[in-house]
Amino acid sequence: MDKNRSLMLAAVVFGLVAFLHLLRAIFSWPARIADFDVPLWLSYVAVVVAGYLSWLMYSASKKK
C-alpha cells in the first residue's frame, strides 16, 4: 500500500470515529469503560480532535 492510500485510509477511520462521537453527543448515548462512566463532554472533544486529524490525513494524501 502506498503512502497516499494509507493516509486516505487513516482519514476515513478518523472521520468515522468523529462521526460516531458526534452521534453519541447528539443522542446522549451512555458510554462506560470498566467502572468509569465516560462523560458526554469528552465526545465533543473527540469530535474536534478526530475531525481535525481526519482533515490533516486527507489533505496530506492529496499532496504530491
PDB file of N, CA and C in Angstrom:
ATOM      1  N   MET A   1       0.856  -1.170   0.000  1.00  0.00           N
ATOM      2  CA  MET A   1       0.000   0.000   0.000  1.00  0.00           C
ATOM      3  C   MET A   1       0.902   1.233   0.000  1.00  0.00           C
ATOM      4  N   ASP A   2       0.617   2.159  -0.898  1.00  0.00           N
ATOM      5  CA  ASP A   2       1.445   3.361  -0.964  1.00  0.00           C
ATOM      6  C   ASP A   2       1.030   4.395   0.085  1.00  0.00           C
ATOM      7  N   LYS A   3       1.815   5.450   0.179  1.00  0.00           N
ATOM      8  CA  LYS A   3       1.625   6.464   1.218  1.00  0.00           C
ATOM      9  C   LYS A   3       0.264   7.146   1.117  1.00  0.00           C
ATOM     10  N   ASN A   4      -0.158   7.496  -0.088  1.00  0.00           N
ATOM     11  CA  ASN A   4      -1.426   8.214  -0.251  1.00  0.00           C
ATOM     12  C   ASN A   4      -2.629   7.361   0.145  1.00  0.00           C
ATOM     13  N   ARG A   5      -2.590   6.091  -0.175  1.00  0.00           N
ATOM     14  CA  ARG A   5      -3.693   5.202   0.226  1.00  0.00           C
ATOM     15  C   ARG A   5      -3.738   5.017   1.739  1.00  0.00           C
ATOM     16  N   SER A   6      -2.571   4.910   2.341  1.00  0.00           N
ATOM     17  CA  SER A   6      -2.514   4.769   3.802  1.00  0.00           C
ATOM     18  C   SER A   6      -3.067   6.010   4.488  1.00  0.00           C
ATOM     19  N   LEU A   7      -2.695   7.183   3.987  1.00  0.00           N
ATOM     20  CA  LEU A   7      -3.211   8.427   4.566  1.00  0.00           C
ATOM     21  C   LEU A   7      -4.713   8.552   4.364  1.00  0.00           C
ATOM     22  N   MET A   8      -5.214   8.145   3.206  1.00  0.00           N
ATOM     23  CA  MET A   8      -6.656   8.208   2.952  1.00  0.00           C
ATOM     24  C   MET A   8      -7.404   7.243   3.861  1.00  0.00           C
ATOM     25  N   LEU A   9      -6.847   6.063   4.089  1.00  0.00           N
ATOM     26  CA  LEU A   9      -7.465   5.107   4.997  1.00  0.00           C
ATOM     27  C   LEU A   9      -7.511   5.665   6.416  1.00  0.00           C
ATOM     28  N   ALA A  10      -6.432   6.296   6.847  1.00  0.00           N
ATOM     29  CA  ALA A  10      -6.403   6.922   8.173  1.00  0.00           C
ATOM     30  C   ALA A  10      -7.434   8.047   8.258  1.00  0.00           C
ATOM     31  N   ALA A  11      -7.590   8.813   7.186  1.00  0.00           N
ATOM     32  CA  ALA A  11      -8.580   9.895   7.162  1.00  0.00           C
ATOM     33  C   ALA A  11      -9.992   9.340   7.304  1.00  0.00           C
ATOM     34  N   VAL A  12     -10.278   8.244   6.641  1.00  0.00           N
ATOM     35  CA  VAL A  12     -11.607   7.632   6.730  1.00  0.00           C
ATOM     36  C   VAL A  12     -11.862   7.090   8.137  1.00  0.00           C
ATOM     37  N   VAL A  13     -10.859   6.454   8.726  1.00  0.00           N
ATOM     38  CA  VAL A  13     -11.018   5.901  10.075  1.00  0.00           C
ATOM     39  C   VAL A  13     -11.252   7.028  11.085  1.00  0.00           C
ATOM     40  N   PHE A  14     -10.437   8.076  11.026  1.00  0.00           N
ATOM     41  CA  PHE A  14     -10.624   9.202  11.944  1.00  0.00           C
ATOM     42  C   PHE A  14     -11.970   9.894  11.705  1.00  0.00           C
ATOM     43  N   GLY A  15     -12.385   9.992  10.447  1.00  0.00           N
ATOM     44  CA  GLY A  15     -13.687  10.580  10.147  1.00  0.00           C
ATOM     45  C   GLY A  15     -14.825   9.753  10.716  1.00  0.00           C
ATOM     46  N   LEU A  16     -14.715   8.441  10.629  1.00  0.00           N
ATOM     47  CA  LEU A  16     -15.732   7.560  11.197  1.00  0.00           C
ATOM     48  C   LEU A  16     -15.793   7.684  12.716  1.00  0.00           C
ATOM     49  N   VAL A  17     -14.646   7.763  13.357  1.00  0.00           N
ATOM     50  CA  VAL A  17     -14.601   7.947  14.809  1.00  0.00           C
ATOM     51  C   VAL A  17     -15.256   9.274  15.196  1.00  0.00           C
ATOM     52  N   ALA A  18     -14.945  10.334  14.449  1.00  0.00           N
ATOM     53  CA  ALA A  18     -15.541  11.642  14.733  1.00  0.00           C
ATOM     54  C   ALA A  18     -17.055  11.591  14.564  1.00  0.00           C
ATOM     55  N   PHE A  19     -17.522  10.932  13.514  1.00  0.00           N
ATOM     56  CA  PHE A  19     -18.961  10.832  13.260  1.00  0.00           C
ATOM     57  C   PHE A  19     -19.669  10.050  14.367  1.00  0.00           C
ATOM     58  N   LEU A  20     -19.086   8.956  14.813  1.00  0.00           N
ATOM     59  CA  LEU A  20     -19.705   8.162  15.874  1.00  0.00           C
ATOM     60  C   LEU A  20     -19.740   8.926  17.200  1.00  0.00           C
ATOM     61  N   HIS A  21     -18.693   9.694  17.482  1.00  0.00           N
ATOM     62  CA  HIS A  21     -18.717  10.518  18.694  1.00  0.00           C
ATOM     63  C   HIS A  21     -19.759  11.633  18.581  1.00  0.00           C
ATOM     64  N   LEU A  22     -19.922  12.166  17.393  1.00  0.00           N
ATOM     65  CA  LEU A  22     -20.954  13.174  17.185  1.00  0.00           C
ATOM     66  C   LEU A  22     -22.343  12.588  17.419  1.00  0.00           C
ATOM     67  N   LEU A  23     -22.581  11.381  16.921  1.00  0.00           N
ATOM     68  CA  LEU A  23     -23.860  10.716  17.168  1.00  0.00           C
ATOM     69  C   LEU A  23     -24.076  10.469  18.654  1.00  0.00           C
ATOM     70  N   ARG A  24     -23.024  10.059  19.350  1.00  0.00           N
ATOM     71  CA  ARG A  24     -23.139   9.842  20.801  1.00  0.00           C
ATOM     72  C   ARG A  24     -23.497  11.142  21.511  1.00  0.00           C
ATOM     73  N   ALA A  25     -22.890  12.239  21.097  1.00  0.00           N
ATOM     74  CA  ALA A  25     -23.159  13.528  21.727  1.00  0.00           C
ATOM     75  C   ALA A  25     -24.579  14.005  21.439  1.00  0.00           C
ATOM     76  N   ILE A  26     -25.042  13.821  20.217  1.00  0.00           N
ATOM     77  CA  ILE A  26     -26.390  14.276  19.845  1.00  0.00           C
ATOM     78  C   ILE A  26     -27.464  13.481  20.563  1.00  0.00           C
ATOM     79  N   PHE A  27     -27.317  12.168  20.584  1.00  0.00           N
ATOM     80  CA  PHE A  27     -28.348  11.303  21.150  1.00  0.00           C
ATOM     81  C   PHE A  27     -28.119  10.948  22.618  1.00  0.00           C
ATOM     82  N   SER A  28     -27.076  11.495  23.212  1.00  0.00           N
ATOM     83  CA  SER A  28     -26.739  11.271  24.630  1.00  0.00           C
ATOM     84  C   SER A  28     -26.630   9.784  24.979  1.00  0.00           C
ATOM     85  N   TRP A  29     -25.988   9.043  24.105  1.00  0.00           N
ATOM     86  CA  TRP A  29     -25.782   7.630  24.374  1.00  0.00           C
ATOM     87  C   TRP A  29     -24.791   7.461  25.520  1.00  0.00           C
ATOM     88  N   PRO A  30     -25.060   6.571  26.442  1.00  0.00           N
ATOM     89  CA  PRO A  30     -24.106   6.359  27.545  1.00  0.00           C
ATOM     90  C   PRO A  30     -22.896   5.548  27.071  1.00  0.00           C
ATOM     91  N   ALA A  31     -21.794   5.785  27.707  1.00  0.00           N
ATOM     92  CA  ALA A  31     -20.577   5.011  27.433  1.00  0.00           C
ATOM     93  C   ALA A  31     -19.938   4.686  28.774  1.00  0.00           C
ATOM     94  N   ARG A  32     -19.523   3.446  28.907  1.00  0.00           N
ATOM     95  CA  ARG A  32     -18.930   3.006  30.166  1.00  0.00           C
ATOM     96  C   ARG A  32     -17.720   2.131  29.845  1.00  0.00           C
ATOM     97  N   ILE A  33     -16.615   2.449  30.478  1.00  0.00           N
ATOM     98  CA  ILE A  33     -15.397   1.647  30.334  1.00  0.00           C
ATOM     99  C   ILE A  33     -15.050   1.132  31.722  1.00  0.00           C
ATOM    100  N   ALA A  34     -15.170  -0.169  31.878  1.00  0.00           N
ATOM    101  CA  ALA A  34     -14.995  -0.833  33.181  1.00  0.00           C
ATOM    102  C   ALA A  34     -15.971  -0.202  34.172  1.00  0.00           C
ATOM    103  N   ASP A  35     -15.486   0.438  35.221  1.00  0.00           N
ATOM    104  CA  ASP A  35     -16.368   1.068  36.205  1.00  0.00           C
ATOM    105  C   ASP A  35     -16.465   2.578  36.001  1.00  0.00           C
ATOM    106  N   PHE A  36     -15.966   3.081  34.890  1.00  0.00           N
ATOM    107  CA  PHE A  36     -15.905   4.522  34.641  1.00  0.00           C
ATOM    108  C   PHE A  36     -16.972   4.920  33.625  1.00  0.00           C
ATOM    109  N   ASP A  37     -17.867   5.818  34.028  1.00  0.00           N
ATOM    110  CA  ASP A  37     -18.835   6.389  33.095  1.00  0.00           C
ATOM    111  C   ASP A  37     -18.173   7.543  32.340  1.00  0.00           C
ATOM    112  N   VAL A  38     -18.068   7.401  31.036  1.00  0.00           N
ATOM    113  CA  VAL A  38     -17.403   8.411  30.217  1.00  0.00           C
ATOM    114  C   VAL A  38     -18.329   9.625  30.090  1.00  0.00           C
ATOM    115  N   PRO A  39     -17.848  10.818  30.484  1.00  0.00           N
ATOM    116  CA  PRO A  39     -18.704  11.998  30.407  1.00  0.00           C
ATOM    117  C   PRO A  39     -18.992  12.385  28.955  1.00  0.00           C
ATOM    118  N   LEU A  40     -20.146  12.994  28.744  1.00  0.00           N
ATOM    119  CA  LEU A  40     -20.584  13.359  27.402  1.00  0.00           C
ATOM    120  C   LEU A  40     -19.688  14.424  26.784  1.00  0.00           C
ATOM    121  N   TRP A  41     -19.164  15.329  27.604  1.00  0.00           N
ATOM    122  CA  TRP A  41     -18.322  16.383  27.057  1.00  0.00           C
ATOM    123  C   TRP A  41     -17.065  15.822  26.393  1.00  0.00           C
ATOM    124  N   LEU A  42     -16.650  14.632  26.795  1.00  0.00           N
ATOM    125  CA  LEU A  42     -15.477  14.019  26.194  1.00  0.00           C
ATOM    126  C   LEU A  42     -15.719  13.678  24.724  1.00  0.00           C
ATOM    127  N   SER A  43     -16.968  13.372  24.381  1.00  0.00           N
ATOM    128  CA  SER A  43     -17.278  13.097  22.982  1.00  0.00           C
ATOM    129  C   SER A  43     -17.181  14.360  22.134  1.00  0.00           C
ATOM    130  N   TYR A  44     -17.529  15.510  22.694  1.00  0.00           N
ATOM    131  CA  TYR A  44     -17.381  16.762  21.946  1.00  0.00           C
ATOM    132  C   TYR A  44     -15.911  17.033  21.651  1.00  0.00           C
ATOM    133  N   VAL A  45     -15.063  16.775  22.627  1.00  0.00           N
ATOM    134  CA  VAL A  45     -13.620  16.940  22.422  1.00  0.00           C
ATOM    135  C   VAL A  45     -13.134  15.954  21.368  1.00  0.00           C
ATOM    136  N   ALA A  46     -13.622  14.721  21.427  1.00  0.00           N
ATOM    137  CA  ALA A  46     -13.212  13.692  20.475  1.00  0.00           C
ATOM    138  C   ALA A  46     -13.655  14.029  19.060  1.00  0.00           C
ATOM    139  N   VAL A  47     -14.817  14.667  18.898  1.00  0.00           N
ATOM    140  CA  VAL A  47     -15.279  15.076  17.572  1.00  0.00           C
ATOM    141  C   VAL A  47     -14.299  16.074  16.971  1.00  0.00           C
ATOM    142  N   VAL A  48     -13.890  17.043  17.752  1.00  0.00           N
ATOM    143  CA  VAL A  48     -12.974  18.067  17.256  1.00  0.00           C
ATOM    144  C   VAL A  48     -11.604  17.464  16.928  1.00  0.00           C
ATOM    145  N   VAL A  49     -11.073  16.664  17.833  1.00  0.00           N
ATOM    146  CA  VAL A  49      -9.735  16.098  17.637  1.00  0.00           C
ATOM    147  C   VAL A  49      -9.727  15.108  16.466  1.00  0.00           C
ATOM    148  N   ALA A  50     -10.668  14.188  16.442  1.00  0.00           N
ATOM    149  CA  ALA A  50     -10.703  13.192  15.366  1.00  0.00           C
ATOM    150  C   ALA A  50     -11.034  13.845  14.019  1.00  0.00           C
ATOM    151  N   GLY A  51     -11.900  14.846  14.035  1.00  0.00           N
ATOM    152  CA  GLY A  51     -12.213  15.560  12.799  1.00  0.00           C
ATOM    153  C   GLY A  51     -11.000  16.295  12.254  1.00  0.00           C
ATOM    154  N   TYR A  52     -10.249  16.920  13.133  1.00  0.00           N
ATOM    155  CA  TYR A  52      -9.030  17.617  12.718  1.00  0.00           C
ATOM    156  C   TYR A  52      -7.996  16.637  12.163  1.00  0.00           C
ATOM    157  N   LEU A  53      -7.820  15.515  12.845  1.00  0.00           N
ATOM    158  CA  LEU A  53      -6.873  14.511  12.359  1.00  0.00           C
ATOM    159  C   LEU A  53      -7.314  13.943  11.011  1.00  0.00           C
ATOM    160  N   SER A  54      -8.615  13.754  10.838  1.00  0.00           N
ATOM    161  CA  SER A  54      -9.131  13.278   9.567  1.00  0.00           C
ATOM    162  C   SER A  54      -8.831  14.268   8.453  1.00  0.00           C
ATOM    163  N   TRP A  55      -9.047  15.541   8.728  1.00  0.00           N
ATOM    164  CA  TRP A  55      -8.778  16.574   7.734  1.00  0.00           C
ATOM    165  C   TRP A  55      -7.280  16.630   7.408  1.00  0.00           C
ATOM    166  N   LEU A  56      -6.427  16.520   8.422  1.00  0.00           N
ATOM    167  CA  LEU A  56      -4.979  16.525   8.185  1.00  0.00           C
ATOM    168  C   LEU A  56      -4.548  15.351   7.312  1.00  0.00           C
ATOM    169  N   MET A  57      -5.060  14.166   7.621  1.00  0.00           N
ATOM    170  CA  MET A  57      -4.700  12.987   6.840  1.00  0.00           C
ATOM    171  C   MET A  57      -5.202  13.102   5.404  1.00  0.00           C
ATOM    172  N   TYR A  58      -6.408  13.620   5.231  1.00  0.00           N
ATOM    173  CA  TYR A  58      -6.972  13.789   3.893  1.00  0.00           C
ATOM    174  C   TYR A  58      -6.148  14.782   3.076  1.00  0.00           C
ATOM    175  N   SER A  59      -5.825  15.920   3.680  1.00  0.00           N
ATOM    176  CA  SER A  59      -5.060  16.924   2.941  1.00  0.00           C
ATOM    177  C   SER A  59      -3.648  16.435   2.650  1.00  0.00           C
ATOM    178  N   ALA A  60      -3.064  15.648   3.545  1.00  0.00           N
ATOM    179  CA  ALA A  60      -1.730  15.095   3.283  1.00  0.00           C
ATOM    180  C   ALA A  60      -1.770  14.061   2.175  1.00  0.00           C
ATOM    181  N   SER A  61      -2.874  13.352   2.030  1.00  0.00           N
ATOM    182  CA  SER A  61      -2.973  12.341   0.977  1.00  0.00           C
ATOM    183  C   SER A  61      -3.121  12.972  -0.397  1.00  0.00           C
ATOM    184  N   LYS A  62      -3.544  14.227  -0.463  1.00  0.00           N
ATOM    185  CA  LYS A  62      -3.717  14.906  -1.750  1.00  0.00           C
ATOM    186  C   LYS A  62      -2.471  15.633  -2.209  1.00  0.00           C
ATOM    187  N   LYS A  63      -1.471  15.794  -1.335  1.00  0.00           N
ATOM    188  CA  LYS A  63      -0.211  16.440  -1.733  1.00  0.00           C
ATOM    189  C   LYS A  63       0.630  15.463  -2.524  1.00  0.00           C
ATOM    190  N   LYS A  64       1.386  16.008  -3.443  1.00  0.00           N
ATOM    191  CA  LYS A  64       2.238  15.141  -4.282  1.00  0.00           C
ATOM    192  C   LYS A  64       3.659  15.180  -3.843  1.00  0.00           C
TER     193      LYS A  64
END
